[in-house]
Amino acid sequence: GMITLHQINGNAADLIRSAVENLESQGARAYVLDLRDVPGGYLSQAVEVANLFVRNGIIVQIQTADGITNRQASGEVVTDKPLVVLVNENTAAAAEVLAAALQDNQRATLVGQTTLGKGSVQVIRELSFGGALRYTAAYYLSPQGHGLGVTPDFLVERQSGAADNQLSLAVETAQSSIAG
């Protein structure tokens, strides 16, 4: 089954759950989740999407001036079938959190290019004179404690032209995981 996400918005987890259930009913035996060019979105939804696939473990670590807190998997997955995730240099922020959670928990094989590396939480505070101050309030870390900039298991540069070589490798990887 092929699932493409364009943004991690407020209902991303519900959309992914529906897509998986629909594809399950059609006989899907493995999944490819395309996170290429996803600019990020809601951290809470990235965690919820990861929960659809990760039974137990840390989903993300959040580092602030006060220390590190962890978000854990809920244990209520929608499928245990093989998963391949496509990423590229434009996969950013919450999408990187999702990719890192799936990779670090050995739940997915990543294919594509190293992600953007935007693992910071930005806060904007308006000032009394009409200006604003933007600062970094926290950093996202992978479940294993690494900063973001996720390196895929299979590093594949996207070739120009009609054929999508990254997608082809992702589908081939998903198919081989069924046979193996």
N, C-alpha and C. Protein backbone atom coordinates (compact mmCIF):
# COMPACT_ATOMS: atom_id res chain seq x y z
N GLY A 1 0.83 -1.18 0.00
CA GLY A 1 0.00 0.00 0.00
C GLY A 1 0.87 1.24 0.00
N MET A 2 0.47 2.22 -0.76
CA MET A 2 1.23 3.48 -0.88
C MET A 2 0.46 4.59 -0.19
N ILE A 3 1.14 5.30 0.75
CA ILE A 3 0.54 6.42 1.46
C ILE A 3 1.47 7.62 1.31
N THR A 4 0.92 8.73 0.82
CA THR A 4 1.70 9.96 0.67
C THR A 4 1.15 11.01 1.62
N LEU A 5 2.05 11.60 2.40
CA LEU A 5 1.68 12.65 3.32
C LEU A 5 2.28 13.95 2.81
N HIS A 6 1.49 15.02 2.76
CA HIS A 6 1.99 16.31 2.27
C HIS A 6 2.33 17.27 3.39
N GLN A 7 1.69 17.07 4.54
CA GLN A 7 1.93 17.92 5.70
C GLN A 7 1.42 17.18 6.93
N ILE A 8 2.05 17.41 8.06
CA ILE A 8 1.58 16.78 9.30
C ILE A 8 0.65 17.79 9.97
N ASN A 9 -0.61 17.76 9.53
CA ASN A 9 -1.60 18.71 10.04
C ASN A 9 -2.36 18.12 11.22
N GLY A 10 -3.41 18.78 11.65
CA GLY A 10 -4.14 18.41 12.85
C GLY A 10 -4.87 17.08 12.80
N ASN A 11 -5.06 16.52 11.60
CA ASN A 11 -5.74 15.22 11.50
C ASN A 11 -4.91 14.18 10.74
N ALA A 12 -3.61 14.37 10.71
CA ALA A 12 -2.72 13.46 9.97
C ALA A 12 -2.84 12.02 10.45
N ALA A 13 -2.89 11.81 11.76
CA ALA A 13 -2.97 10.45 12.29
C ALA A 13 -4.27 9.77 11.87
N ASP A 14 -5.37 10.50 11.91
CA ASP A 14 -6.65 9.94 11.47
C ASP A 14 -6.62 9.58 10.00
N LEU A 15 -6.01 10.44 9.18
CA LEU A 15 -5.91 10.17 7.74
C LEU A 15 -5.05 8.94 7.46
N ILE A 16 -3.93 8.82 8.16
CA ILE A 16 -3.05 7.66 7.98
C ILE A 16 -3.75 6.39 8.45
N ARG A 17 -4.42 6.46 9.59
CA ARG A 17 -5.16 5.29 10.09
C ARG A 17 -6.20 4.84 9.05
N SER A 18 -6.96 5.77 8.51
CA SER A 18 -7.98 5.44 7.50
C SER A 18 -7.34 4.84 6.26
N ALA A 19 -6.22 5.41 5.84
CA ALA A 19 -5.53 4.90 4.64
C ALA A 19 -5.05 3.47 4.87
N VAL A 20 -4.46 3.21 6.03
CA VAL A 20 -3.97 1.85 6.33
C VAL A 20 -5.14 0.88 6.39
N GLU A 21 -6.21 1.24 7.07
CA GLU A 21 -7.38 0.35 7.16
C GLU A 21 -7.98 0.07 5.78
N ASN A 22 -8.04 1.10 4.94
CA ASN A 22 -8.55 0.93 3.58
C ASN A 22 -7.64 0.01 2.77
N LEU A 23 -6.34 0.24 2.86
CA LEU A 23 -5.39 -0.60 2.13
C LEU A 23 -5.37 -2.03 2.67
N GLU A 24 -5.54 -2.19 3.99
CA GLU A 24 -5.64 -3.53 4.58
C GLU A 24 -6.81 -4.29 3.96
N SER A 25 -7.94 -3.60 3.84
CA SER A 25 -9.15 -4.25 3.29
C SER A 25 -8.96 -4.63 1.82
N GLN A 26 -8.00 -3.98 1.16
CA GLN A 26 -7.70 -4.32 -0.23
C GLN A 26 -6.57 -5.35 -0.34
N GLY A 27 -6.08 -5.83 0.80
CA GLY A 27 -5.08 -6.89 0.79
C GLY A 27 -3.63 -6.44 0.87
N ALA A 28 -3.36 -5.22 1.27
CA ALA A 28 -1.97 -4.75 1.37
C ALA A 28 -1.18 -5.63 2.34
N ARG A 29 0.04 -5.97 1.94
CA ARG A 29 0.90 -6.80 2.76
C ARG A 29 2.13 -6.06 3.26
N ALA A 30 2.34 -4.84 2.77
CA ALA A 30 3.44 -3.97 3.20
C ALA A 30 3.05 -2.55 2.80
N TYR A 31 3.76 -1.57 3.40
CA TYR A 31 3.41 -0.17 3.16
C TYR A 31 4.64 0.66 2.80
N VAL A 32 4.42 1.66 1.95
CA VAL A 32 5.40 2.68 1.66
C VAL A 32 4.76 4.00 2.08
N LEU A 33 5.42 4.71 3.00
CA LEU A 33 4.95 6.01 3.48
C LEU A 33 5.89 7.07 2.92
N ASP A 34 5.37 7.94 2.07
CA ASP A 34 6.18 8.97 1.42
C ASP A 34 6.13 10.26 2.23
N LEU A 35 7.26 10.61 2.84
CA LEU A 35 7.40 11.84 3.61
C LEU A 35 8.29 12.86 2.89
N ARG A 36 8.56 12.62 1.63
CA ARG A 36 9.41 13.55 0.88
C ARG A 36 8.71 14.90 0.76
N ASP A 37 9.47 15.95 0.97
CA ASP A 37 9.00 17.33 0.85
C ASP A 37 7.96 17.72 1.89
N VAL A 38 7.83 16.95 2.97
CA VAL A 38 6.91 17.32 4.05
C VAL A 38 7.64 18.33 4.94
N PRO A 39 7.12 19.58 5.02
CA PRO A 39 7.82 20.64 5.75
C PRO A 39 7.70 20.55 7.26
N GLY A 40 6.95 19.59 7.76
CA GLY A 40 6.78 19.46 9.20
C GLY A 40 5.32 19.57 9.57
N GLY A 41 5.05 20.18 10.69
CA GLY A 41 3.69 20.32 11.17
C GLY A 41 3.64 20.11 12.67
N TYR A 42 2.55 19.51 13.12
CA TYR A 42 2.32 19.33 14.55
C TYR A 42 3.11 18.16 15.12
N LEU A 43 3.90 18.43 16.15
CA LEU A 43 4.64 17.36 16.82
C LEU A 43 3.68 16.31 17.37
N SER A 44 2.57 16.75 17.96
CA SER A 44 1.62 15.79 18.55
C SER A 44 1.10 14.82 17.50
N GLN A 45 0.89 15.29 16.28
CA GLN A 45 0.41 14.41 15.22
C GLN A 45 1.52 13.48 14.71
N ALA A 46 2.75 13.97 14.67
CA ALA A 46 3.88 13.10 14.30
C ALA A 46 3.99 11.95 15.29
N VAL A 47 3.81 12.25 16.58
CA VAL A 47 3.86 11.22 17.61
C VAL A 47 2.70 10.24 17.42
N GLU A 48 1.50 10.76 17.13
CA GLU A 48 0.34 9.89 16.92
C GLU A 48 0.50 9.00 15.69
N VAL A 49 1.07 9.54 14.62
CA VAL A 49 1.31 8.72 13.42
C VAL A 49 2.32 7.62 13.76
N ALA A 50 3.39 7.97 14.46
CA ALA A 50 4.38 6.95 14.87
C ALA A 50 3.71 5.87 15.71
N ASN A 51 2.78 6.27 16.58
CA ASN A 51 2.06 5.32 17.42
C ASN A 51 1.25 4.31 16.61
N LEU A 52 0.89 4.66 15.39
CA LEU A 52 0.14 3.73 14.54
C LEU A 52 1.00 2.54 14.11
N PHE A 53 2.33 2.70 14.22
CA PHE A 53 3.24 1.67 13.73
C PHE A 53 4.18 1.11 14.80
N VAL A 54 4.47 1.87 15.84
CA VAL A 54 5.45 1.48 16.87
C VAL A 54 4.70 0.99 18.11
N ARG A 55 4.91 -0.26 18.45
CA ARG A 55 4.20 -0.86 19.59
C ARG A 55 4.72 -0.36 20.94
N ASN A 56 6.05 -0.29 21.09
CA ASN A 56 6.60 0.22 22.36
C ASN A 56 7.94 0.86 22.09
N GLY A 57 8.33 1.74 23.00
CA GLY A 57 9.59 2.45 22.86
C GLY A 57 9.39 3.95 22.90
N ILE A 58 10.48 4.66 22.80
CA ILE A 58 10.45 6.12 22.77
C ILE A 58 10.16 6.57 21.35
N ILE A 59 9.26 7.54 21.21
CA ILE A 59 8.96 8.11 19.90
C ILE A 59 9.86 9.32 19.64
N VAL A 60 10.00 10.19 20.62
CA VAL A 60 10.85 11.38 20.47
C VAL A 60 11.30 11.84 21.85
N GLN A 61 12.47 12.45 21.88
CA GLN A 61 12.97 13.11 23.08
C GLN A 61 12.93 14.62 22.81
N ILE A 62 12.50 15.37 23.82
CA ILE A 62 12.43 16.83 23.69
C ILE A 62 13.36 17.43 24.72
N GLN A 63 14.37 18.16 24.23
CA GLN A 63 15.38 18.74 25.10
C GLN A 63 15.09 20.23 25.28
N THR A 64 14.90 20.66 26.53
CA THR A 64 14.71 22.06 26.86
C THR A 64 15.78 22.45 27.88
N ALA A 65 15.74 23.69 28.32
CA ALA A 65 16.68 24.15 29.34
C ALA A 65 16.48 23.39 30.65
N ASP A 66 15.28 22.84 30.84
CA ASP A 66 14.96 22.11 32.07
C ASP A 66 15.34 20.63 32.02
N GLY A 67 15.76 20.15 30.87
CA GLY A 67 16.13 18.74 30.74
C GLY A 67 15.47 18.09 29.54
N ILE A 68 15.45 16.76 29.56
CA ILE A 68 14.91 15.99 28.43
C ILE A 68 13.67 15.24 28.89
N THR A 69 12.62 15.33 28.09
CA THR A 69 11.41 14.54 28.33
C THR A 69 11.20 13.62 27.13
N ASN A 70 10.59 12.48 27.39
CA ASN A 70 10.34 11.50 26.34
C ASN A 70 8.86 11.36 26.07
N ARG A 71 8.52 11.12 24.81
CA ARG A 71 7.16 10.73 24.44
C ARG A 71 7.25 9.25 24.07
N GLN A 72 6.45 8.44 24.74
CA GLN A 72 6.48 6.98 24.57
C GLN A 72 5.41 6.51 23.61
N ALA A 73 5.63 5.35 23.01
CA ALA A 73 4.63 4.72 22.14
C ALA A 73 3.45 4.27 23.00
N SER A 74 2.26 4.33 22.42
CA SER A 74 1.04 3.98 23.15
C SER A 74 0.76 2.49 23.17
N GLY A 75 1.31 1.74 22.20
CA GLY A 75 1.09 0.30 22.15
C GLY A 75 -0.11 -0.11 21.33
N GLU A 76 -0.83 0.84 20.78
CA GLU A 76 -2.03 0.54 19.99
C GLU A 76 -1.76 0.78 18.51
N VAL A 77 -1.08 -0.16 17.88
CA VAL A 77 -0.71 0.00 16.48
C VAL A 77 -1.86 -0.41 15.56
N VAL A 78 -1.83 0.15 14.36
CA VAL A 78 -2.85 -0.18 13.37
C VAL A 78 -2.39 -1.34 12.47
N THR A 79 -1.07 -1.54 12.37
CA THR A 79 -0.53 -2.66 11.59
C THR A 79 0.90 -2.95 12.03
N ASP A 80 1.25 -4.23 11.90
CA ASP A 80 2.63 -4.67 12.15
C ASP A 80 3.32 -5.05 10.84
N LYS A 81 2.65 -4.82 9.73
CA LYS A 81 3.21 -5.21 8.43
C LYS A 81 4.42 -4.35 8.08
N PRO A 82 5.28 -4.86 7.19
CA PRO A 82 6.50 -4.13 6.82
C PRO A 82 6.20 -2.71 6.34
N LEU A 83 7.13 -1.81 6.66
CA LEU A 83 6.97 -0.39 6.35
C LEU A 83 8.27 0.16 5.80
N VAL A 84 8.17 0.89 4.69
CA VAL A 84 9.31 1.59 4.11
C VAL A 84 8.91 3.06 4.04
N VAL A 85 9.82 3.95 4.45
CA VAL A 85 9.54 5.38 4.48
C VAL A 85 10.48 6.11 3.53
N LEU A 86 9.90 6.93 2.67
CA LEU A 86 10.68 7.76 1.75
C LEU A 86 10.93 9.12 2.38
N VAL A 87 12.19 9.57 2.37
CA VAL A 87 12.57 10.88 2.90
C VAL A 87 13.52 11.56 1.92
N ASN A 88 13.60 12.90 2.03
CA ASN A 88 14.58 13.63 1.23
C ASN A 88 15.05 14.86 1.98
N GLU A 89 15.83 15.69 1.32
CA GLU A 89 16.42 16.86 1.96
C GLU A 89 15.38 17.91 2.36
N ASN A 90 14.15 17.76 1.90
CA ASN A 90 13.07 18.68 2.26
C ASN A 90 12.13 18.08 3.31
N THR A 91 12.43 16.91 3.80
CA THR A 91 11.67 16.33 4.91
C THR A 91 12.18 17.03 6.16
N ALA A 92 11.29 17.73 6.88
CA ALA A 92 11.74 18.60 7.95
C ALA A 92 10.90 18.49 9.22
N ALA A 93 11.49 18.92 10.32
CA ALA A 93 10.83 19.12 11.62
C ALA A 93 10.03 17.90 12.07
N ALA A 94 8.71 18.04 12.22
CA ALA A 94 7.88 16.94 12.73
C ALA A 94 7.95 15.71 11.82
N ALA A 95 8.14 15.91 10.52
CA ALA A 95 8.28 14.77 9.61
C ALA A 95 9.58 14.01 9.89
N GLU A 96 10.62 14.73 10.30
CA GLU A 96 11.87 14.09 10.68
C GLU A 96 11.71 13.33 11.98
N VAL A 97 10.95 13.88 12.90
CA VAL A 97 10.66 13.20 14.17
C VAL A 97 10.00 11.86 13.87
N LEU A 98 9.02 11.87 12.97
CA LEU A 98 8.32 10.64 12.58
C LEU A 98 9.28 9.64 11.94
N ALA A 99 10.08 10.09 10.99
CA ALA A 99 11.02 9.20 10.32
C ALA A 99 12.03 8.61 11.30
N ALA A 100 12.57 9.44 12.20
CA ALA A 100 13.54 8.97 13.18
C ALA A 100 12.92 7.97 14.14
N ALA A 101 11.67 8.22 14.55
CA ALA A 101 10.98 7.30 15.46
C ALA A 101 10.81 5.93 14.82
N LEU A 102 10.42 5.91 13.56
CA LEU A 102 10.20 4.64 12.87
C LEU A 102 11.52 3.91 12.62
N GLN A 103 12.56 4.66 12.29
CA GLN A 103 13.87 4.05 12.04
C GLN A 103 14.51 3.55 13.33
N ASP A 104 14.57 4.40 14.36
CA ASP A 104 15.25 4.03 15.61
C ASP A 104 14.56 2.88 16.34
N ASN A 105 13.26 2.73 16.14
CA ASN A 105 12.53 1.63 16.77
C ASN A 105 12.48 0.39 15.87
N GLN A 106 13.32 0.36 14.85
CA GLN A 106 13.40 -0.75 13.90
C GLN A 106 12.03 -1.12 13.33
N ARG A 107 11.22 -0.10 13.10
CA ARG A 107 9.88 -0.34 12.58
C ARG A 107 9.77 -0.07 11.09
N ALA A 108 10.74 0.68 10.55
CA ALA A 108 10.69 1.00 9.12
C ALA A 108 12.10 1.06 8.55
N THR A 109 12.18 0.82 7.26
CA THR A 109 13.39 1.01 6.49
C THR A 109 13.23 2.35 5.79
N LEU A 110 14.24 3.23 5.90
CA LEU A 110 14.17 4.53 5.26
C LEU A 110 14.96 4.51 3.95
N VAL A 111 14.37 5.13 2.93
CA VAL A 111 14.97 5.21 1.59
C VAL A 111 14.93 6.66 1.14
N GLY A 112 16.01 7.13 0.53
CA GLY A 112 16.02 8.47 -0.04
C GLY A 112 17.27 9.23 0.32
N GLN A 113 17.08 10.48 0.76
CA GLN A 113 18.19 11.36 1.08
C GLN A 113 18.11 11.81 2.54
N THR A 114 19.24 12.24 3.09
CA THR A 114 19.27 12.73 4.46
C THR A 114 18.32 13.92 4.60
N THR A 115 17.56 13.92 5.69
CA THR A 115 16.55 14.95 5.91
C THR A 115 17.19 16.30 6.27
N LEU A 116 16.38 17.33 6.31
CA LEU A 116 16.83 18.71 6.47
C LEU A 116 17.63 18.96 7.75
N GLY A 117 17.22 18.39 8.85
CA GLY A 117 17.94 18.59 10.11
C GLY A 117 17.38 19.73 10.95
N LYS A 118 16.11 20.05 10.74
CA LYS A 118 15.48 21.12 11.54
C LYS A 118 14.85 20.50 12.77
N GLY A 119 15.64 20.28 13.77
CA GLY A 119 15.16 19.65 14.98
C GLY A 119 14.93 20.64 16.11
N SER A 120 14.52 21.86 15.76
CA SER A 120 14.34 22.86 16.81
C SER A 120 12.88 23.33 16.88
N VAL A 121 12.49 23.74 18.08
CA VAL A 121 11.16 24.29 18.32
C VAL A 121 11.33 25.80 18.43
N GLN A 122 10.73 26.54 17.52
CA GLN A 122 10.83 27.99 17.50
C GLN A 122 9.61 28.62 18.18
N VAL A 123 9.84 29.64 18.97
CA VAL A 123 8.77 30.38 19.65
C VAL A 123 8.90 31.84 19.25
N ILE A 124 7.77 32.47 18.96
CA ILE A 124 7.76 33.90 18.63
C ILE A 124 7.01 34.64 19.74
N ARG A 125 7.67 35.64 20.32
CA ARG A 125 7.07 36.47 21.37
C ARG A 125 6.96 37.90 20.84
N GLU A 126 5.75 38.43 20.85
CA GLU A 126 5.56 39.81 20.44
C GLU A 126 6.08 40.74 21.51
N LEU A 127 6.68 41.85 21.08
CA LEU A 127 7.24 42.83 22.00
C LEU A 127 6.33 44.05 22.07
N SER A 128 6.44 44.81 23.14
CA SER A 128 5.53 45.93 23.40
C SER A 128 5.57 47.01 22.31
N PHE A 129 6.68 47.18 21.63
CA PHE A 129 6.80 48.22 20.62
C PHE A 129 6.36 47.75 19.23
N GLY A 130 5.81 46.53 19.13
CA GLY A 130 5.31 46.03 17.85
C GLY A 130 6.25 45.06 17.16
N GLY A 131 7.43 44.91 17.62
CA GLY A 131 8.36 43.95 17.05
C GLY A 131 8.10 42.56 17.62
N ALA A 132 8.96 41.65 17.28
CA ALA A 132 8.82 40.29 17.80
C ALA A 132 10.21 39.68 17.96
N LEU A 133 10.27 38.72 18.84
CA LEU A 133 11.51 38.00 19.11
C LEU A 133 11.25 36.53 18.84
N ARG A 134 12.07 35.93 18.01
CA ARG A 134 11.96 34.51 17.73
C ARG A 134 13.18 33.83 18.31
N TYR A 135 12.92 32.75 19.07
CA TYR A 135 14.03 32.04 19.69
C TYR A 135 13.74 30.54 19.71
N THR A 136 14.79 29.79 19.92
CA THR A 136 14.66 28.34 20.02
C THR A 136 14.38 27.98 21.46
N ALA A 137 13.25 27.29 21.69
CA ALA A 137 12.84 26.92 23.04
C ALA A 137 13.17 25.46 23.37
N ALA A 138 13.33 24.64 22.34
CA ALA A 138 13.60 23.22 22.57
C ALA A 138 14.19 22.60 21.31
N TYR A 139 14.73 21.42 21.50
CA TYR A 139 15.26 20.63 20.37
C TYR A 139 14.63 19.25 20.40
N TYR A 140 14.32 18.73 19.22
CA TYR A 140 13.86 17.36 19.10
C TYR A 140 15.07 16.46 18.94
N LEU A 141 15.05 15.33 19.63
CA LEU A 141 16.09 14.33 19.48
C LEU A 141 15.43 13.02 19.08
N SER A 142 16.13 12.20 18.36
CA SER A 142 15.61 10.89 17.98
C SER A 142 15.45 10.02 19.23
N PRO A 143 14.74 8.91 19.13
CA PRO A 143 14.63 8.01 20.28
C PRO A 143 15.98 7.58 20.84
N GLN A 144 16.99 7.51 20.00
CA GLN A 144 18.33 7.13 20.46
C GLN A 144 19.17 8.33 20.91
N GLY A 145 18.55 9.53 20.93
CA GLY A 145 19.21 10.71 21.44
C GLY A 145 20.03 11.51 20.45
N HIS A 146 19.88 11.23 19.16
CA HIS A 146 20.61 11.96 18.12
C HIS A 146 19.81 13.19 17.69
N GLY A 147 20.53 14.22 17.27
CA GLY A 147 19.87 15.37 16.67
C GLY A 147 19.27 14.95 15.34
N LEU A 148 18.40 15.79 14.82
CA LEU A 148 17.76 15.42 13.56
C LEU A 148 18.67 15.74 12.38
N GLY A 149 18.27 15.26 11.24
CA GLY A 149 19.08 15.16 10.05
C GLY A 149 19.23 13.65 9.88
N VAL A 150 18.09 13.01 9.59
CA VAL A 150 17.99 11.55 9.59
C VAL A 150 18.60 10.99 8.30
N THR A 151 19.54 10.07 8.46
CA THR A 151 20.16 9.42 7.31
C THR A 151 19.41 8.14 7.01
N PRO A 152 18.94 7.99 5.77
CA PRO A 152 18.18 6.77 5.44
C PRO A 152 19.06 5.53 5.44
N ASP A 153 18.40 4.38 5.54
CA ASP A 153 19.10 3.10 5.46
C ASP A 153 19.67 2.88 4.06
N PHE A 154 18.92 3.34 3.06
CA PHE A 154 19.36 3.27 1.66
C PHE A 154 19.40 4.68 1.11
N LEU A 155 20.62 5.22 0.99
CA LEU A 155 20.81 6.58 0.49
C LEU A 155 20.74 6.57 -1.03
N VAL A 156 19.73 7.26 -1.56
CA VAL A 156 19.50 7.27 -3.01
C VAL A 156 19.21 8.70 -3.45
N GLU A 157 20.08 9.25 -4.29
CA GLU A 157 19.82 10.57 -4.85
C GLU A 157 18.68 10.46 -5.86
N ARG A 158 17.82 11.44 -5.86
CA ARG A 158 16.71 11.43 -6.82
C ARG A 158 17.23 11.84 -8.17
N GLN A 159 16.95 11.02 -9.17
CA GLN A 159 17.40 11.31 -10.52
C GLN A 159 16.34 12.11 -11.25
N SER A 160 16.79 13.02 -12.09
CA SER A 160 15.83 13.77 -12.89
C SER A 160 15.31 12.87 -14.01
N GLY A 161 14.11 13.15 -14.43
CA GLY A 161 13.51 12.33 -15.47
C GLY A 161 12.17 11.80 -15.01
N ALA A 162 11.58 10.97 -15.82
CA ALA A 162 10.22 10.50 -15.57
C ALA A 162 10.16 9.45 -14.45
N ALA A 163 11.15 8.58 -14.38
CA ALA A 163 11.11 7.49 -13.40
C ALA A 163 11.51 8.00 -12.01
N ASP A 164 10.79 7.60 -11.01
CA ASP A 164 11.09 7.96 -9.62
C ASP A 164 11.89 6.81 -9.02
N ASN A 165 13.23 6.91 -9.09
CA ASN A 165 14.10 5.82 -8.64
C ASN A 165 14.00 5.59 -7.14
N GLN A 166 13.73 6.62 -6.35
CA GLN A 166 13.57 6.44 -4.90
C GLN A 166 12.32 5.61 -4.61
N LEU A 167 11.23 5.97 -5.26
CA LEU A 167 9.98 5.22 -5.08
C LEU A 167 10.14 3.78 -5.54
N SER A 168 10.82 3.58 -6.66
CA SER A 168 11.03 2.22 -7.17
C SER A 168 11.79 1.37 -6.16
N LEU A 169 12.83 1.94 -5.56
CA LEU A 169 13.60 1.19 -4.55
C LEU A 169 12.75 0.94 -3.31
N ALA A 170 11.94 1.92 -2.91
CA ALA A 170 11.09 1.74 -1.74
C ALA A 170 10.09 0.60 -1.95
N VAL A 171 9.46 0.57 -3.11
CA VAL A 171 8.50 -0.49 -3.42
C VAL A 171 9.21 -1.84 -3.47
N GLU A 172 10.38 -1.88 -4.10
CA GLU A 172 11.15 -3.13 -4.17
C GLU A 172 11.54 -3.61 -2.76
N THR A 173 11.92 -2.68 -1.89
CA THR A 173 12.29 -3.02 -0.52
C THR A 173 11.08 -3.56 0.23
N ALA A 174 9.92 -2.93 0.07
CA ALA A 174 8.70 -3.40 0.72
C ALA A 174 8.34 -4.80 0.22
N GLN A 175 8.44 -5.00 -1.08
CA GLN A 175 8.11 -6.32 -1.64
C GLN A 175 9.06 -7.39 -1.16
N SER A 176 10.34 -7.07 -1.05
CA SER A 176 11.32 -8.07 -0.58
C SER A 176 11.10 -8.40 0.90
N SER A 177 10.57 -7.46 1.68
CA SER A 177 10.31 -7.74 3.08
C SER A 177 9.14 -8.71 3.26
N ILE A 178 8.27 -8.76 2.28
CA ILE A 178 7.14 -9.71 2.32
C ILE A 178 7.67 -11.11 2.00
N ALA A 179 8.50 -11.17 0.95
CA ALA A 179 9.02 -12.46 0.51
C ALA A 179 10.02 -13.04 1.50
N GLY A 180 10.76 -12.13 2.19
CA GLY A 180 11.81 -12.59 3.10
C GLY A 180 11.25 -12.97 4.40
